[in-house]
């Protein structure tokens, strides 16, 4: 392949490495949790019914999802207000749905 063909797909490699780095960090946190090397407050202390580590995983997953939406839906080249119009409802809806699921599950567990 010529250099012209390789120069057009640099962005896909950039996306690959960014997503790989975030995913590798998530996997590393999971491995450290299993091996017991993480601080106890990340694993055992809870906030809104979830361990702090779970909140970290949710935030990292939302970051990856937002980046994928910006790149593969070509929103990265749009106006900033349009990008926020697409991303903010998703970033509000996902934690809200998690809150509903967790509160209902807690209620069901307590009623057993």
N, C-alpha and C. Protein backbone atom coordinates (compact mmCIF):
# COMPACT_ATOMS: atom_id res chain seq x y z
N UNK A 1 0.84 -1.18 0.00
CA UNK A 1 0.00 0.00 0.00
C UNK A 1 0.88 1.24 0.00
N UNK A 2 0.40 2.26 -0.62
CA UNK A 2 1.19 3.48 -0.70
C UNK A 2 0.97 4.34 0.55
N UNK A 3 1.80 5.37 0.66
CA UNK A 3 1.70 6.27 1.82
C UNK A 3 0.39 7.03 1.82
N UNK A 4 -0.16 7.31 0.64
CA UNK A 4 -1.42 8.05 0.58
C UNK A 4 -2.57 7.24 1.18
N UNK A 5 -2.55 5.93 1.00
CA UNK A 5 -3.61 5.11 1.56
C UNK A 5 -3.48 5.01 3.08
N UNK A 6 -2.28 5.00 3.59
CA UNK A 6 -2.08 4.93 5.04
C UNK A 6 -2.36 6.27 5.71
N UNK A 7 -2.16 7.37 5.02
CA UNK A 7 -2.35 8.67 5.66
C UNK A 7 -3.82 8.97 5.91
N UNK A 8 -4.73 8.31 5.23
CA UNK A 8 -6.14 8.58 5.40
C UNK A 8 -6.77 7.88 6.59
N UNK A 9 -6.09 6.90 7.16
CA UNK A 9 -6.71 6.19 8.26
C UNK A 9 -5.95 6.35 9.58
N UNK A 10 -5.24 7.44 9.75
CA UNK A 10 -4.53 7.70 10.99
C UNK A 10 -5.47 7.84 12.16
N UNK A 11 -6.66 8.40 11.89
CA UNK A 11 -7.60 8.66 12.97
C UNK A 11 -8.13 7.37 13.58
N UNK A 12 -8.27 6.32 12.79
CA UNK A 12 -8.78 5.07 13.34
C UNK A 12 -7.78 4.47 14.31
N UNK A 13 -6.49 4.67 14.04
CA UNK A 13 -5.46 4.19 14.97
C UNK A 13 -5.45 5.01 16.24
N UNK A 14 -5.69 6.30 16.10
CA UNK A 14 -5.77 7.16 17.29
C UNK A 14 -6.93 6.71 18.17
N UNK A 15 -8.08 6.46 17.57
CA UNK A 15 -9.25 5.98 18.32
C UNK A 15 -8.94 4.64 18.96
N UNK A 16 -8.30 3.75 18.21
CA UNK A 16 -7.95 2.43 18.73
C UNK A 16 -7.08 2.54 19.97
N UNK A 17 -6.04 3.34 19.92
CA UNK A 17 -5.11 3.44 21.05
C UNK A 17 -5.75 4.10 22.26
N UNK A 18 -6.60 5.10 22.04
CA UNK A 18 -7.29 5.75 23.17
C UNK A 18 -8.24 4.78 23.85
N UNK A 19 -9.04 4.07 23.05
CA UNK A 19 -9.97 3.11 23.63
C UNK A 19 -9.23 1.93 24.27
N UNK A 20 -8.12 1.52 23.67
CA UNK A 20 -7.32 0.45 24.25
C UNK A 20 -6.75 0.86 25.60
N UNK A 21 -6.28 2.09 25.71
CA UNK A 21 -5.71 2.57 26.96
C UNK A 21 -6.77 2.60 28.08
N UNK A 22 -7.95 3.11 27.76
CA UNK A 22 -9.00 3.17 28.78
C UNK A 22 -9.44 1.76 29.17
N UNK A 23 -9.58 0.88 28.19
CA UNK A 23 -9.98 -0.49 28.49
C UNK A 23 -8.91 -1.22 29.29
N UNK A 24 -7.65 -1.00 28.94
CA UNK A 24 -6.56 -1.64 29.69
C UNK A 24 -6.55 -1.15 31.13
N UNK A 25 -6.84 0.13 31.34
CA UNK A 25 -6.92 0.66 32.70
C UNK A 25 -8.05 0.00 33.48
N UNK A 26 -9.21 -0.19 32.81
CA UNK A 26 -10.32 -0.87 33.46
C UNK A 26 -9.96 -2.32 33.82
N UNK A 27 -9.32 -3.01 32.90
CA UNK A 27 -8.92 -4.40 33.16
C UNK A 27 -7.91 -4.45 34.29
N UNK A 28 -6.96 -3.51 34.30
CA UNK A 28 -5.97 -3.47 35.37
C UNK A 28 -6.64 -3.26 36.73
N UNK A 29 -7.63 -2.37 36.79
CA UNK A 29 -8.37 -2.17 38.05
C UNK A 29 -9.07 -3.45 38.47
N UNK A 30 -9.66 -4.17 37.51
CA UNK A 30 -10.33 -5.42 37.84
C UNK A 30 -9.36 -6.47 38.36
N UNK A 31 -8.19 -6.57 37.74
CA UNK A 31 -7.19 -7.53 38.19
C UNK A 31 -6.68 -7.16 39.58
N UNK A 32 -6.43 -5.87 39.80
CA UNK A 32 -5.96 -5.44 41.12
C UNK A 32 -7.01 -5.67 42.20
N UNK A 33 -8.28 -5.56 41.83
CA UNK A 33 -9.34 -5.84 42.80
C UNK A 33 -9.34 -7.31 43.19
N UNK A 34 -9.24 -8.19 42.20
CA UNK A 34 -9.25 -9.62 42.48
C UNK A 34 -8.04 -10.02 43.32
N UNK A 35 -6.89 -9.44 43.00
CA UNK A 35 -5.67 -9.78 43.74
C UNK A 35 -5.59 -9.10 45.11
N UNK A 36 -6.46 -8.14 45.37
CA UNK A 36 -6.49 -7.49 46.68
C UNK A 36 -5.51 -6.35 46.85
N UNK A 37 -5.04 -5.76 45.75
CA UNK A 37 -4.06 -4.68 45.84
C UNK A 37 -4.68 -3.28 45.88
N UNK A 38 -5.97 -3.16 45.65
CA UNK A 38 -6.61 -1.85 45.67
C UNK A 38 -6.89 -1.44 47.12
N UNK A 39 -6.94 -0.13 47.37
CA UNK A 39 -7.30 0.33 48.72
C UNK A 39 -8.70 -0.15 49.09
N UNK A 40 -8.90 -0.42 50.35
CA UNK A 40 -10.17 -0.99 50.80
C UNK A 40 -11.35 -0.06 50.57
N UNK A 41 -11.14 1.25 50.63
CA UNK A 41 -12.26 2.16 50.46
C UNK A 41 -12.82 2.10 49.04
N UNK A 42 -12.00 1.76 48.04
CA UNK A 42 -12.51 1.64 46.67
C UNK A 42 -13.38 0.40 46.50
N UNK A 43 -13.08 -0.63 47.25
CA UNK A 43 -13.77 -1.91 47.06
C UNK A 43 -14.95 -2.08 48.01
N UNK A 44 -14.79 -1.63 49.27
CA UNK A 44 -15.80 -1.94 50.28
C UNK A 44 -16.69 -0.75 50.66
N UNK A 45 -16.21 0.48 50.56
CA UNK A 45 -17.06 1.63 50.87
C UNK A 45 -18.03 1.85 49.73
N UNK A 46 -19.26 2.19 50.09
CA UNK A 46 -20.29 2.35 49.06
C UNK A 46 -20.79 3.78 49.00
N UNK A 47 -21.29 4.12 47.85
CA UNK A 47 -21.94 5.41 47.61
C UNK A 47 -23.13 5.11 46.71
N UNK A 48 -24.32 5.47 47.15
CA UNK A 48 -25.56 5.18 46.43
C UNK A 48 -25.72 3.68 46.16
N UNK A 49 -25.27 2.87 47.10
CA UNK A 49 -25.47 1.43 46.99
C UNK A 49 -24.43 0.68 46.18
N UNK A 50 -23.45 1.38 45.64
CA UNK A 50 -22.41 0.74 44.84
C UNK A 50 -21.04 1.07 45.41
N UNK A 51 -20.11 0.15 45.21
CA UNK A 51 -18.73 0.41 45.62
C UNK A 51 -18.15 1.53 44.76
N UNK A 52 -17.19 2.25 45.31
CA UNK A 52 -16.57 3.34 44.58
C UNK A 52 -15.93 2.84 43.29
N UNK A 53 -15.40 1.62 43.31
CA UNK A 53 -14.79 1.06 42.11
C UNK A 53 -15.81 0.89 41.00
N UNK A 54 -17.01 0.51 41.35
CA UNK A 54 -18.07 0.38 40.35
C UNK A 54 -18.40 1.74 39.74
N UNK A 55 -18.40 2.78 40.54
CA UNK A 55 -18.63 4.12 40.00
C UNK A 55 -17.52 4.51 39.02
N UNK A 56 -16.29 4.14 39.34
CA UNK A 56 -15.17 4.43 38.44
C UNK A 56 -15.37 3.71 37.11
N UNK A 57 -15.79 2.44 37.17
CA UNK A 57 -16.05 1.70 35.93
C UNK A 57 -17.17 2.34 35.11
N UNK A 58 -18.22 2.80 35.77
CA UNK A 58 -19.34 3.43 35.05
C UNK A 58 -18.87 4.71 34.38
N UNK A 59 -18.09 5.53 35.08
CA UNK A 59 -17.61 6.79 34.50
C UNK A 59 -16.68 6.50 33.31
N UNK A 60 -15.78 5.55 33.45
CA UNK A 60 -14.89 5.22 32.34
C UNK A 60 -15.65 4.68 31.14
N UNK A 61 -16.69 3.90 31.39
CA UNK A 61 -17.51 3.38 30.30
C UNK A 61 -18.27 4.50 29.61
N UNK A 62 -18.77 5.47 30.38
CA UNK A 62 -19.45 6.61 29.78
C UNK A 62 -18.49 7.45 28.94
N UNK A 63 -17.25 7.58 29.41
CA UNK A 63 -16.24 8.31 28.64
C UNK A 63 -15.98 7.61 27.31
N UNK A 64 -15.83 6.29 27.37
CA UNK A 64 -15.60 5.54 26.14
C UNK A 64 -16.80 5.65 25.20
N UNK A 65 -18.00 5.55 25.74
CA UNK A 65 -19.20 5.65 24.92
C UNK A 65 -19.31 7.03 24.27
N UNK A 66 -19.03 8.07 25.04
CA UNK A 66 -19.08 9.42 24.48
C UNK A 66 -18.05 9.62 23.39
N UNK A 67 -16.86 9.09 23.59
CA UNK A 67 -15.80 9.21 22.58
C UNK A 67 -16.17 8.45 21.30
N UNK A 68 -16.75 7.27 21.46
CA UNK A 68 -17.18 6.50 20.30
C UNK A 68 -18.27 7.24 19.54
N UNK A 69 -19.21 7.82 20.26
CA UNK A 69 -20.27 8.58 19.60
C UNK A 69 -19.69 9.78 18.85
N UNK A 70 -18.76 10.50 19.48
CA UNK A 70 -18.16 11.66 18.83
C UNK A 70 -17.40 11.28 17.56
N UNK A 71 -16.70 10.16 17.61
CA UNK A 71 -15.85 9.80 16.47
C UNK A 71 -16.65 9.12 15.38
N UNK A 72 -17.38 8.07 15.71
CA UNK A 72 -18.00 7.25 14.69
C UNK A 72 -19.34 7.79 14.20
N UNK A 73 -19.94 8.70 14.94
CA UNK A 73 -21.13 9.38 14.43
C UNK A 73 -20.75 10.75 13.86
N UNK A 74 -19.45 10.99 13.76
CA UNK A 74 -18.89 12.21 13.17
C UNK A 74 -19.38 13.46 13.87
N UNK A 75 -19.63 13.37 15.18
CA UNK A 75 -20.05 14.54 15.93
C UNK A 75 -18.87 15.39 16.36
N UNK A 76 -17.67 14.87 16.25
CA UNK A 76 -16.49 15.61 16.65
C UNK A 76 -16.26 16.85 15.80
N UNK A 77 -16.83 16.86 14.61
CA UNK A 77 -16.63 17.99 13.70
C UNK A 77 -17.82 18.94 13.69
N UNK A 78 -18.81 18.65 14.53
CA UNK A 78 -20.00 19.51 14.59
C UNK A 78 -19.78 20.66 15.58
N UNK A 79 -20.76 21.53 15.63
CA UNK A 79 -20.72 22.63 16.60
C UNK A 79 -20.76 22.08 18.02
N UNK A 80 -20.14 22.79 18.94
CA UNK A 80 -20.07 22.34 20.33
C UNK A 80 -21.46 22.18 20.94
N UNK A 81 -22.36 23.08 20.63
CA UNK A 81 -23.71 23.00 21.21
C UNK A 81 -24.45 21.76 20.72
N UNK A 82 -24.23 21.37 19.47
CA UNK A 82 -24.88 20.17 18.95
C UNK A 82 -24.31 18.91 19.60
N UNK A 83 -22.99 18.90 19.82
CA UNK A 83 -22.38 17.76 20.51
C UNK A 83 -22.96 17.59 21.90
N UNK A 84 -23.08 18.69 22.63
CA UNK A 84 -23.63 18.61 23.98
C UNK A 84 -25.10 18.22 23.96
N UNK A 85 -25.84 18.63 22.93
CA UNK A 85 -27.24 18.26 22.81
C UNK A 85 -27.40 16.76 22.67
N UNK A 86 -26.46 16.11 22.03
CA UNK A 86 -26.51 14.66 21.86
C UNK A 86 -25.99 13.94 23.10
N UNK A 87 -24.90 14.42 23.68
CA UNK A 87 -24.23 13.69 24.75
C UNK A 87 -24.85 13.87 26.13
N UNK A 88 -25.29 15.06 26.46
CA UNK A 88 -25.78 15.33 27.82
C UNK A 88 -27.00 14.48 28.18
N UNK A 89 -28.01 14.36 27.30
CA UNK A 89 -29.13 13.48 27.70
C UNK A 89 -28.70 12.05 27.98
N UNK A 90 -27.75 11.53 27.23
CA UNK A 90 -27.27 10.17 27.48
C UNK A 90 -26.55 10.10 28.82
N UNK A 91 -25.74 11.11 29.12
CA UNK A 91 -25.00 11.10 30.38
C UNK A 91 -25.90 11.34 31.58
N UNK A 92 -27.08 11.89 31.37
CA UNK A 92 -28.05 12.04 32.45
C UNK A 92 -28.92 10.79 32.55
N UNK A 93 -29.30 10.24 31.41
CA UNK A 93 -30.20 9.10 31.39
C UNK A 93 -29.57 7.83 31.96
N UNK A 94 -28.33 7.56 31.63
CA UNK A 94 -27.69 6.32 32.10
C UNK A 94 -27.57 6.28 33.62
N UNK A 95 -27.04 7.31 34.28
CA UNK A 95 -27.02 7.25 35.76
C UNK A 95 -28.43 7.22 36.38
N UNK A 96 -29.37 7.89 35.76
CA UNK A 96 -30.74 7.85 36.26
C UNK A 96 -31.32 6.44 36.18
N UNK A 97 -31.11 5.77 35.07
CA UNK A 97 -31.59 4.39 34.94
C UNK A 97 -30.88 3.46 35.92
N UNK A 98 -29.59 3.67 36.12
CA UNK A 98 -28.87 2.88 37.12
C UNK A 98 -29.44 3.11 38.51
N UNK A 99 -29.77 4.35 38.83
CA UNK A 99 -30.37 4.67 40.12
C UNK A 99 -31.70 3.95 40.29
N UNK A 100 -32.52 3.95 39.26
CA UNK A 100 -33.82 3.27 39.33
C UNK A 100 -33.62 1.78 39.54
N UNK A 101 -32.73 1.18 38.77
CA UNK A 101 -32.48 -0.26 38.90
C UNK A 101 -31.98 -0.60 40.30
N UNK A 102 -31.03 0.18 40.81
CA UNK A 102 -30.47 -0.11 42.12
C UNK A 102 -31.48 0.10 43.25
N UNK A 103 -32.27 1.16 43.16
CA UNK A 103 -33.23 1.41 44.23
C UNK A 103 -34.34 0.35 44.22
N UNK A 104 -34.77 -0.07 43.05
CA UNK A 104 -35.78 -1.13 42.99
C UNK A 104 -35.23 -2.47 43.46
N UNK A 105 -33.98 -2.76 43.09
CA UNK A 105 -33.37 -4.01 43.52
C UNK A 105 -33.17 -4.02 45.04
N UNK A 106 -32.78 -2.90 45.60
CA UNK A 106 -32.63 -2.81 47.05
C UNK A 106 -33.95 -2.99 47.76
N UNK A 107 -34.98 -2.36 47.22
CA UNK A 107 -36.31 -2.49 47.82
C UNK A 107 -36.79 -3.95 47.73
N UNK A 108 -36.60 -4.59 46.60
CA UNK A 108 -37.02 -5.98 46.44
C UNK A 108 -36.25 -6.89 47.39
N UNK A 109 -34.96 -6.61 47.56
CA UNK A 109 -34.13 -7.41 48.46
C UNK A 109 -34.57 -7.25 49.91
N UNK A 110 -34.90 -6.04 50.30
CA UNK A 110 -35.33 -5.79 51.68
C UNK A 110 -36.71 -6.36 51.98
N UNK A 111 -37.53 -6.51 50.96
CA UNK A 111 -38.89 -7.02 51.16
C UNK A 111 -38.96 -8.54 51.17
N UNK A 112 -37.85 -9.21 50.94
CA UNK A 112 -37.85 -10.68 50.94
C UNK A 112 -37.97 -11.21 52.33
